[in-house]
Amino acid sequence: RVHRSVAEFLRIFVDESTTNWEEFLKPLALAINTKIHSSTKMSPYFMTYGEHPLLPWVQGPAKKTYSESDIASKFRLLQLTCADVQRQEKRR
């Protein structure tokens, strides 16, 4: 299921002229690994590590920092992608 989700995401945002598709992988991995599963009521990250992840915008030692606009644009992109994938699945 995860591979299908990744493939659908990339098909939406990547075409033959896209050269930066790998930039979408980290935000996508974060979205997949932190999404609460409907049957377990836990995210894959929580089930693996037993704790919630430290998110990129949380300041801490040796952490990369992101601007608010970077974070907002990445999350908006993920929200739009999720909505598109859900619409496509409903059509099937």
PDB file of N, CA and C in Angstrom:
ATOM      1  N   ARG A   1       0.810  -1.199   0.000  1.00  0.00           N
ATOM      2  CA  ARG A   1       0.000   0.000   0.000  1.00  0.00           C
ATOM      3  C   ARG A   1       0.856   1.267   0.000  1.00  0.00           C
ATOM      4  N   VAL A   2       1.927   1.254   0.762  1.00  0.00           N
ATOM      5  CA  VAL A   2       2.789   2.434   0.825  1.00  0.00           C
ATOM      6  C   VAL A   2       3.412   2.720  -0.531  1.00  0.00           C
ATOM      7  N   HIS A   3       3.879   1.679  -1.207  1.00  0.00           N
ATOM      8  CA  HIS A   3       4.486   1.892  -2.525  1.00  0.00           C
ATOM      9  C   HIS A   3       3.488   2.506  -3.498  1.00  0.00           C
ATOM     10  N   ARG A   4       2.237   2.071  -3.408  1.00  0.00           N
ATOM     11  CA  ARG A   4       1.206   2.633  -4.287  1.00  0.00           C
ATOM     12  C   ARG A   4       0.976   4.103  -3.960  1.00  0.00           C
ATOM     13  N   SER A   5       0.963   4.436  -2.674  1.00  0.00           N
ATOM     14  CA  SER A   5       0.779   5.835  -2.272  1.00  0.00           C
ATOM     15  C   SER A   5       1.925   6.706  -2.763  1.00  0.00           C
ATOM     16  N   VAL A   6       3.144   6.224  -2.630  1.00  0.00           N
ATOM     17  CA  VAL A   6       4.313   6.977  -3.095  1.00  0.00           C
ATOM     18  C   VAL A   6       4.235   7.162  -4.610  1.00  0.00           C
ATOM     19  N   ALA A   7       3.904   6.111  -5.314  1.00  0.00           N
ATOM     20  CA  ALA A   7       3.816   6.195  -6.776  1.00  0.00           C
ATOM     21  C   ALA A   7       2.733   7.179  -7.202  1.00  0.00           C
ATOM     22  N   GLU A   8       1.578   7.153  -6.539  1.00  0.00           N
ATOM     23  CA  GLU A   8       0.501   8.083  -6.881  1.00  0.00           C
ATOM     24  C   GLU A   8       0.926   9.525  -6.615  1.00  0.00           C
ATOM     25  N   PHE A   9       1.581   9.750  -5.490  1.00  0.00           N
ATOM     26  CA  PHE A   9       2.065  11.076  -5.151  1.00  0.00           C
ATOM     27  C   PHE A   9       3.028  11.587  -6.216  1.00  0.00           C
ATOM     28  N   LEU A  10       3.990  10.763  -6.571  1.00  0.00           N
ATOM     29  CA  LEU A  10       4.987  11.188  -7.556  1.00  0.00           C
ATOM     30  C   LEU A  10       4.366  11.407  -8.931  1.00  0.00           C
ATOM     31  N   ARG A  11       3.394  10.582  -9.309  1.00  0.00           N
ATOM     32  CA  ARG A  11       2.728  10.768 -10.603  1.00  0.00           C
ATOM     33  C   ARG A  11       2.032  12.124 -10.672  1.00  0.00           C
ATOM     34  N   ILE A  12       1.491  12.585  -9.557  1.00  0.00           N
ATOM     35  CA  ILE A  12       0.788  13.863  -9.541  1.00  0.00           C
ATOM     36  C   ILE A  12       1.754  15.026  -9.725  1.00  0.00           C
ATOM     37  N   PHE A  13       2.915  14.967  -9.089  1.00  0.00           N
ATOM     38  CA  PHE A  13       3.807  16.119  -9.063  1.00  0.00           C
ATOM     39  C   PHE A  13       5.026  16.018  -9.968  1.00  0.00           C
ATOM     40  N   VAL A  14       5.257  14.867 -10.548  1.00  0.00           N
ATOM     41  CA  VAL A  14       6.458  14.687 -11.355  1.00  0.00           C
ATOM     42  C   VAL A  14       6.057  14.365 -12.786  1.00  0.00           C
ATOM     43  N   ASP A  15       6.659  15.069 -13.707  1.00  0.00           N
ATOM     44  CA  ASP A  15       6.480  14.732 -15.116  1.00  0.00           C
ATOM     45  C   ASP A  15       7.863  14.617 -15.753  1.00  0.00           C
ATOM     46  N   GLU A  16       7.907  14.449 -17.043  1.00  0.00           N
ATOM     47  CA  GLU A  16       9.178  14.230 -17.731  1.00  0.00           C
ATOM     48  C   GLU A  16      10.152  15.395 -17.566  1.00  0.00           C
ATOM     49  N   SER A  17       9.640  16.599 -17.360  1.00  0.00           N
ATOM     50  CA  SER A  17      10.518  17.763 -17.244  1.00  0.00           C
ATOM     51  C   SER A  17      10.948  18.047 -15.806  1.00  0.00           C
ATOM     52  N   THR A  18      10.412  17.312 -14.850  1.00  0.00           N
ATOM     53  CA  THR A  18      10.757  17.547 -13.449  1.00  0.00           C
ATOM     54  C   THR A  18      12.131  16.970 -13.145  1.00  0.00           C
ATOM     55  N   THR A  19      12.977  17.804 -12.585  1.00  0.00           N
ATOM     56  CA  THR A  19      14.323  17.344 -12.248  1.00  0.00           C
ATOM     57  C   THR A  19      14.564  17.305 -10.744  1.00  0.00           C
ATOM     58  N   ASN A  20      13.635  17.814  -9.962  1.00  0.00           N
ATOM     59  CA  ASN A  20      13.833  17.877  -8.513  1.00  0.00           C
ATOM     60  C   ASN A  20      12.855  16.976  -7.753  1.00  0.00           C
ATOM     61  N   TRP A  21      12.440  15.881  -8.338  1.00  0.00           N
ATOM     62  CA  TRP A  21      11.431  15.030  -7.718  1.00  0.00           C
ATOM     63  C   TRP A  21      11.862  14.491  -6.364  1.00  0.00           C
ATOM     64  N   GLU A  22      13.170  14.327  -6.151  1.00  0.00           N
ATOM     65  CA  GLU A  22      13.637  13.780  -4.875  1.00  0.00           C
ATOM     66  C   GLU A  22      13.344  14.721  -3.713  1.00  0.00           C
ATOM     67  N   GLU A  23      13.110  16.006  -3.990  1.00  0.00           N
ATOM     68  CA  GLU A  23      12.763  16.951  -2.932  1.00  0.00           C
ATOM     69  C   GLU A  23      11.405  16.625  -2.309  1.00  0.00           C
ATOM     70  N   PHE A  24      10.566  15.907  -3.028  1.00  0.00           N
ATOM     71  CA  PHE A  24       9.250  15.555  -2.514  1.00  0.00           C
ATOM     72  C   PHE A  24       9.294  14.335  -1.598  1.00  0.00           C
ATOM     73  N   LEU A  25      10.360  13.566  -1.613  1.00  0.00           N
ATOM     74  CA  LEU A  25      10.397  12.297  -0.889  1.00  0.00           C
ATOM     75  C   LEU A  25      10.429  12.457   0.629  1.00  0.00           C
ATOM     76  N   LYS A  26      11.230  13.379   1.140  1.00  0.00           N
ATOM     77  CA  LYS A  26      11.295  13.546   2.600  1.00  0.00           C
ATOM     78  C   LYS A  26       9.973  14.034   3.183  1.00  0.00           C
ATOM     79  N   PRO A  27       9.333  15.064   2.605  1.00  0.00           N
ATOM     80  CA  PRO A  27       8.025  15.456   3.140  1.00  0.00           C
ATOM     81  C   PRO A  27       6.988  14.341   3.007  1.00  0.00           C
ATOM     82  N   LEU A  28       7.065  13.588   1.920  1.00  0.00           N
ATOM     83  CA  LEU A  28       6.140  12.476   1.743  1.00  0.00           C
ATOM     84  C   LEU A  28       6.372  11.393   2.794  1.00  0.00           C
ATOM     85  N   ALA A  29       7.631  11.064   3.056  1.00  0.00           N
ATOM     86  CA  ALA A  29       7.950  10.065   4.081  1.00  0.00           C
ATOM     87  C   ALA A  29       7.457  10.521   5.451  1.00  0.00           C
ATOM     88  N   LEU A  30       7.642  11.800   5.752  1.00  0.00           N
ATOM     89  CA  LEU A  30       7.144  12.333   7.019  1.00  0.00           C
ATOM     90  C   LEU A  30       5.631  12.194   7.104  1.00  0.00           C
ATOM     91  N   ALA A  31       4.946  12.526   6.027  1.00  0.00           N
ATOM     92  CA  ALA A  31       3.488  12.430   6.020  1.00  0.00           C
ATOM     93  C   ALA A  31       3.022  10.990   6.205  1.00  0.00           C
ATOM     94  N   ILE A  32       3.642  10.059   5.502  1.00  0.00           N
ATOM     95  CA  ILE A  32       3.253   8.652   5.599  1.00  0.00           C
ATOM     96  C   ILE A  32       3.555   8.100   6.989  1.00  0.00           C
ATOM     97  N   ASN A  33       4.726   8.422   7.522  1.00  0.00           N
ATOM     98  CA  ASN A  33       5.141   7.846   8.800  1.00  0.00           C
ATOM     99  C   ASN A  33       4.487   8.476  10.016  1.00  0.00           C
ATOM    100  N   THR A  34       3.890   9.641   9.861  1.00  0.00           N
ATOM    101  CA  THR A  34       3.249  10.287  11.002  1.00  0.00           C
ATOM    102  C   THR A  34       1.730  10.306  10.907  1.00  0.00           C
ATOM    103  N   LYS A  35       1.177   9.744   9.849  1.00  0.00           N
ATOM    104  CA  LYS A  35      -0.275   9.689   9.694  1.00  0.00           C
ATOM    105  C   LYS A  35      -0.853   8.614  10.608  1.00  0.00           C
ATOM    106  N   ILE A  36      -1.910   8.951  11.317  1.00  0.00           N
ATOM    107  CA  ILE A  36      -2.577   8.003  12.205  1.00  0.00           C
ATOM    108  C   ILE A  36      -3.348   6.993  11.351  1.00  0.00           C
ATOM    109  N   HIS A  37      -3.103   5.712  11.585  1.00  0.00           N
ATOM    110  CA  HIS A  37      -3.781   4.657  10.856  1.00  0.00           C
ATOM    111  C   HIS A  37      -5.171   4.450  11.444  1.00  0.00           C
ATOM    112  N   SER A  38      -6.151   4.271  10.598  1.00  0.00           N
ATOM    113  CA  SER A  38      -7.534   4.187  11.070  1.00  0.00           C
ATOM    114  C   SER A  38      -7.797   2.973  11.956  1.00  0.00           C
ATOM    115  N   SER A  39      -7.133   1.870  11.711  1.00  0.00           N
ATOM    116  CA  SER A  39      -7.415   0.675  12.519  1.00  0.00           C
ATOM    117  C   SER A  39      -6.595   0.615  13.802  1.00  0.00           C
ATOM    118  N   THR A  40      -5.337   1.073  13.768  1.00  0.00           N
ATOM    119  CA  THR A  40      -4.497   0.999  14.969  1.00  0.00           C
ATOM    120  C   THR A  40      -4.604   2.246  15.834  1.00  0.00           C
ATOM    121  N   LYS A  41      -5.083   3.349  15.246  1.00  0.00           N
ATOM    122  CA  LYS A  41      -5.147   4.645  15.930  1.00  0.00           C
ATOM    123  C   LYS A  41      -3.759   5.132  16.344  1.00  0.00           C
ATOM    124  N   MET A  42      -2.721   4.666  15.647  1.00  0.00           N
ATOM    125  CA  MET A  42      -1.344   5.081  15.888  1.00  0.00           C
ATOM    126  C   MET A  42      -0.649   5.288  14.551  1.00  0.00           C
ATOM    127  N   SER A  43       0.378   6.109  14.568  1.00  0.00           N
ATOM    128  CA  SER A  43       1.172   6.306  13.362  1.00  0.00           C
ATOM    129  C   SER A  43       2.237   5.219  13.282  1.00  0.00           C
ATOM    130  N   PRO A  44       2.740   4.923  12.078  1.00  0.00           N
ATOM    131  CA  PRO A  44       3.852   3.979  11.958  1.00  0.00           C
ATOM    132  C   PRO A  44       5.062   4.403  12.786  1.00  0.00           C
ATOM    133  N   TYR A  45       5.326   5.698  12.840  1.00  0.00           N
ATOM    134  CA  TYR A  45       6.459   6.185  13.626  1.00  0.00           C
ATOM    135  C   TYR A  45       6.270   5.823  15.100  1.00  0.00           C
ATOM    136  N   PHE A  46       5.091   6.088  15.634  1.00  0.00           N
ATOM    137  CA  PHE A  46       4.833   5.800  17.043  1.00  0.00           C
ATOM    138  C   PHE A  46       4.910   4.302  17.309  1.00  0.00           C
ATOM    139  N   MET A  47       4.389   3.499  16.394  1.00  0.00           N
ATOM    140  CA  MET A  47       4.429   2.044  16.581  1.00  0.00           C
ATOM    141  C   MET A  47       5.866   1.528  16.531  1.00  0.00           C
ATOM    142  N   THR A  48       6.721   2.162  15.760  1.00  0.00           N
ATOM    143  CA  THR A  48       8.111   1.722  15.653  1.00  0.00           C
ATOM    144  C   THR A  48       8.956   2.173  16.839  1.00  0.00           C
ATOM    145  N   TYR A  49       8.814   3.437  17.217  1.00  0.00           N
ATOM    146  CA  TYR A  49       9.714   4.018  18.217  1.00  0.00           C
ATOM    147  C   TYR A  49       9.082   4.222  19.587  1.00  0.00           C
ATOM    148  N   GLY A  50       7.763   4.085  19.678  1.00  0.00           N
ATOM    149  CA  GLY A  50       7.099   4.254  20.960  1.00  0.00           C
ATOM    150  C   GLY A  50       7.029   5.690  21.436  1.00  0.00           C
ATOM    151  N   GLU A  51       7.242   6.625  20.547  1.00  0.00           N
ATOM    152  CA  GLU A  51       7.148   8.039  20.872  1.00  0.00           C
ATOM    153  C   GLU A  51       6.774   8.807  19.616  1.00  0.00           C
ATOM    154  N   HIS A  52       6.306  10.006  19.811  1.00  0.00           N
ATOM    155  CA  HIS A  52       5.968  10.844  18.673  1.00  0.00           C
ATOM    156  C   HIS A  52       7.242  11.478  18.113  1.00  0.00           C
ATOM    157  N   PRO A  53       7.285  11.748  16.820  1.00  0.00           N
ATOM    158  CA  PRO A  53       8.515  12.268  16.221  1.00  0.00           C
ATOM    159  C   PRO A  53       8.803  13.711  16.631  1.00  0.00           C
ATOM    160  N   LEU A  54      10.060  14.051  16.595  1.00  0.00           N
ATOM    161  CA  LEU A  54      10.458  15.449  16.710  1.00  0.00           C
ATOM    162  C   LEU A  54      10.300  16.046  15.319  1.00  0.00           C
ATOM    163  N   LEU A  55       9.431  16.989  15.199  1.00  0.00           N
ATOM    164  CA  LEU A  55       9.141  17.559  13.886  1.00  0.00           C
ATOM    165  C   LEU A  55      10.191  18.584  13.497  1.00  0.00           C
ATOM    166  N   PRO A  56      10.409  18.776  12.188  1.00  0.00           N
ATOM    167  CA  PRO A  56      11.524  19.608  11.716  1.00  0.00           C
ATOM    168  C   PRO A  56      11.495  21.044  12.228  1.00  0.00           C
ATOM    169  N   TRP A  57      10.335  21.579  12.529  1.00  0.00           N
ATOM    170  CA  TRP A  57      10.261  22.970  12.950  1.00  0.00           C
ATOM    171  C   TRP A  57      10.437  23.136  14.461  1.00  0.00           C
ATOM    172  N   VAL A  58      10.626  22.053  15.187  1.00  0.00           N
ATOM    173  CA  VAL A  58      10.898  22.121  16.612  1.00  0.00           C
ATOM    174  C   VAL A  58      12.379  22.415  16.799  1.00  0.00           C
ATOM    175  N   GLN A  59      12.683  23.526  17.443  1.00  0.00           N
ATOM    176  CA  GLN A  59      14.069  23.921  17.646  1.00  0.00           C
ATOM    177  C   GLN A  59      14.745  22.985  18.639  1.00  0.00           C
ATOM    178  N   GLY A  60      15.943  22.613  18.341  1.00  0.00           N
ATOM    179  CA  GLY A  60      16.698  21.765  19.248  1.00  0.00           C
ATOM    180  C   GLY A  60      18.149  21.743  18.819  1.00  0.00           C
ATOM    181  N   PRO A  61      19.007  21.155  19.611  1.00  0.00           N
ATOM    182  CA  PRO A  61      20.424  21.110  19.242  1.00  0.00           C
ATOM    183  C   PRO A  61      20.646  20.296  17.976  1.00  0.00           C
ATOM    184  N   ALA A  62      21.492  20.809  17.108  1.00  0.00           N
ATOM    185  CA  ALA A  62      21.897  20.132  15.871  1.00  0.00           C
ATOM    186  C   ALA A  62      20.721  19.791  14.970  1.00  0.00           C
ATOM    187  N   LYS A  63      19.665  20.568  15.024  1.00  0.00           N
ATOM    188  CA  LYS A  63      18.512  20.346  14.152  1.00  0.00           C
ATOM    189  C   LYS A  63      18.523  21.374  13.032  1.00  0.00           C
ATOM    190  N   LYS A  64      18.158  20.934  11.863  1.00  0.00           N
ATOM    191  CA  LYS A  64      18.027  21.867  10.753  1.00  0.00           C
ATOM    192  C   LYS A  64      16.780  22.701  10.996  1.00  0.00           C
ATOM    193  N   THR A  65      16.856  23.981  10.736  1.00  0.00           N
ATOM    194  CA  THR A  65      15.693  24.836  10.918  1.00  0.00           C
ATOM    195  C   THR A  65      15.072  25.162   9.571  1.00  0.00           C
ATOM    196  N   TYR A  66      13.779  25.383   9.587  1.00  0.00           N
ATOM    197  CA  TYR A  66      13.023  25.697   8.385  1.00  0.00           C
ATOM    198  C   TYR A  66      12.252  26.981   8.636  1.00  0.00           C
ATOM    199  N   SER A  67      12.086  27.765   7.598  1.00  0.00           N
ATOM    200  CA  SER A  67      11.278  28.973   7.741  1.00  0.00           C
ATOM    201  C   SER A  67       9.809  28.568   7.785  1.00  0.00           C
ATOM    202  N   GLU A  68       8.996  29.437   8.362  1.00  0.00           N
ATOM    203  CA  GLU A  68       7.566  29.151   8.434  1.00  0.00           C
ATOM    204  C   GLU A  68       6.968  28.997   7.043  1.00  0.00           C
ATOM    205  N   SER A  69       7.431  29.784   6.096  1.00  0.00           N
ATOM    206  CA  SER A  69       6.877  29.684   4.743  1.00  0.00           C
ATOM    207  C   SER A  69       7.266  28.361   4.081  1.00  0.00           C
ATOM    208  N   ASP A  70       8.486  27.859   4.347  1.00  0.00           N
ATOM    209  CA  ASP A  70       8.880  26.546   3.830  1.00  0.00           C
ATOM    210  C   ASP A  70       7.967  25.456   4.377  1.00  0.00           C
ATOM    211  N   ILE A  71       7.747  25.499   5.672  1.00  0.00           N
ATOM    212  CA  ILE A  71       6.899  24.498   6.317  1.00  0.00           C
ATOM    213  C   ILE A  71       5.480  24.585   5.783  1.00  0.00           C
ATOM    214  N   ALA A  72       4.953  25.787   5.717  1.00  0.00           N
ATOM    215  CA  ALA A  72       3.581  25.966   5.236  1.00  0.00           C
ATOM    216  C   ALA A  72       3.422  25.476   3.807  1.00  0.00           C
ATOM    217  N   SER A  73       4.392  25.780   2.950  1.00  0.00           N
ATOM    218  CA  SER A  73       4.259  25.358   1.551  1.00  0.00           C
ATOM    219  C   SER A  73       4.364  23.840   1.413  1.00  0.00           C
ATOM    220  N   LYS A  74       5.253  23.204   2.183  1.00  0.00           N
ATOM    221  CA  LYS A  74       5.373  21.748   2.114  1.00  0.00           C
ATOM    222  C   LYS A  74       4.100  21.068   2.626  1.00  0.00           C
ATOM    223  N   PHE A  75       3.554  21.568   3.730  1.00  0.00           N
ATOM    224  CA  PHE A  75       2.335  20.964   4.252  1.00  0.00           C
ATOM    225  C   PHE A  75       1.147  21.202   3.328  1.00  0.00           C
ATOM    226  N   ARG A  76       1.075  22.375   2.749  1.00  0.00           N
ATOM    227  CA  ARG A  76      -0.009  22.639   1.797  1.00  0.00           C
ATOM    228  C   ARG A  76       0.103  21.695   0.605  1.00  0.00           C
ATOM    229  N   LEU A  77       1.306  21.495   0.125  1.00  0.00           N
ATOM    230  CA  LEU A  77       1.538  20.565  -0.970  1.00  0.00           C
ATOM    231  C   LEU A  77       1.088  19.153  -0.586  1.00  0.00           C
ATOM    232  N   LEU A  78       1.423  18.733   0.634  1.00  0.00           N
ATOM    233  CA  LEU A  78       1.006  17.402   1.093  1.00  0.00           C
ATOM    234  C   LEU A  78      -0.509  17.309   1.258  1.00  0.00           C
ATOM    235  N   GLN A  79      -1.127  18.362   1.763  1.00  0.00           N
ATOM    236  CA  GLN A  79      -2.585  18.358   1.908  1.00  0.00           C
ATOM    237  C   GLN A  79      -3.262  18.227   0.550  1.00  0.00           C
ATOM    238  N   LEU A  80      -2.779  18.987  -0.409  1.00  0.00           N
ATOM    239  CA  LEU A  80      -3.363  18.913  -1.754  1.00  0.00           C
ATOM    240  C   LEU A  80      -3.159  17.533  -2.362  1.00  0.00           C
ATOM    241  N   THR A  81      -1.997  16.978  -2.150  1.00  0.00           N
ATOM    242  CA  THR A  81      -1.707  15.646  -2.669  1.00  0.00           C
ATOM    243  C   THR A  81      -2.623  14.607  -2.053  1.00  0.00           C
ATOM    244  N   CYS A  82      -2.769  14.661  -0.747  1.00  0.00           N
ATOM    245  CA  CYS A  82      -3.646  13.698  -0.069  1.00  0.00           C
ATOM    246  C   CYS A  82      -5.074  13.821  -0.570  1.00  0.00           C
ATOM    247  N   ALA A  83      -5.545  15.040  -0.728  1.00  0.00           N
ATOM    248  CA  ALA A  83      -6.905  15.253  -1.227  1.00  0.00           C
ATOM    249  C   ALA A  83      -7.058  14.699  -2.639  1.00  0.00           C
ATOM    250  N   ASP A  84      -6.067  14.926  -3.487  1.00  0.00           N
ATOM    251  CA  ASP A  84      -6.124  14.400  -4.856  1.00  0.00           C
ATOM    252  C   ASP A  84      -6.132  12.873  -4.872  1.00  0.00           C
ATOM    253  N   VAL A  85      -5.288  12.263  -4.057  1.00  0.00           N
ATOM    254  CA  VAL A  85      -5.217  10.799  -4.003  1.00  0.00           C
ATOM    255  C   VAL A  85      -6.535  10.235  -3.490  1.00  0.00           C
ATOM    256  N   GLN A  86      -7.114  10.864  -2.473  1.00  0.00           N
ATOM    257  CA  GLN A  86      -8.391  10.389  -1.943  1.00  0.00           C
ATOM    258  C   GLN A  86      -9.497  10.494  -2.985  1.00  0.00           C
ATOM    259  N   ARG A  87      -9.518  11.594  -3.738  1.00  0.00           N
ATOM    260  CA  ARG A  87     -10.513  11.740  -4.803  1.00  0.00           C
ATOM    261  C   ARG A  87     -10.330  10.666  -5.868  1.00  0.00           C
ATOM    262  N   GLN A  88      -9.092  10.387  -6.231  1.00  0.00           N
ATOM    263  CA  GLN A  88      -8.821   9.363  -7.234  1.00  0.00           C
ATOM    264  C   GLN A  88      -9.243   7.982  -6.740  1.00  0.00           C
ATOM    265  N   GLU A  89      -9.012   7.698  -5.484  1.00  0.00           N
ATOM    266  CA  GLU A  89      -9.407   6.390  -4.931  1.00  0.00           C
ATOM    267  C   GLU A  89     -10.926   6.249  -4.892  1.00  0.00           C
ATOM    268  N   LYS A  90     -11.630   7.325  -4.613  1.00  0.00           N
ATOM    269  CA  LYS A  90     -13.100   7.280  -4.576  1.00  0.00           C
ATOM    270  C   LYS A  90     -13.687   7.016  -5.956  1.00  0.00           C
ATOM    271  N   ARG A  91     -12.988   7.503  -6.981  1.00  0.00           N
ATOM    272  CA  ARG A  91     -13.470   7.308  -8.361  1.00  0.00           C
ATOM    273  C   ARG A  91     -13.350   5.867  -8.818  1.00  0.00           C
ATOM    274  N   ARG A  92     -12.463   5.108  -8.183  1.00  0.00           N
ATOM    275  CA  ARG A  92     -12.220   3.717  -8.603  1.00  0.00           C
ATOM    276  C   ARG A  92     -13.308   2.806  -8.161  1.00  0.00           C
TER     277      ARG A  92
END
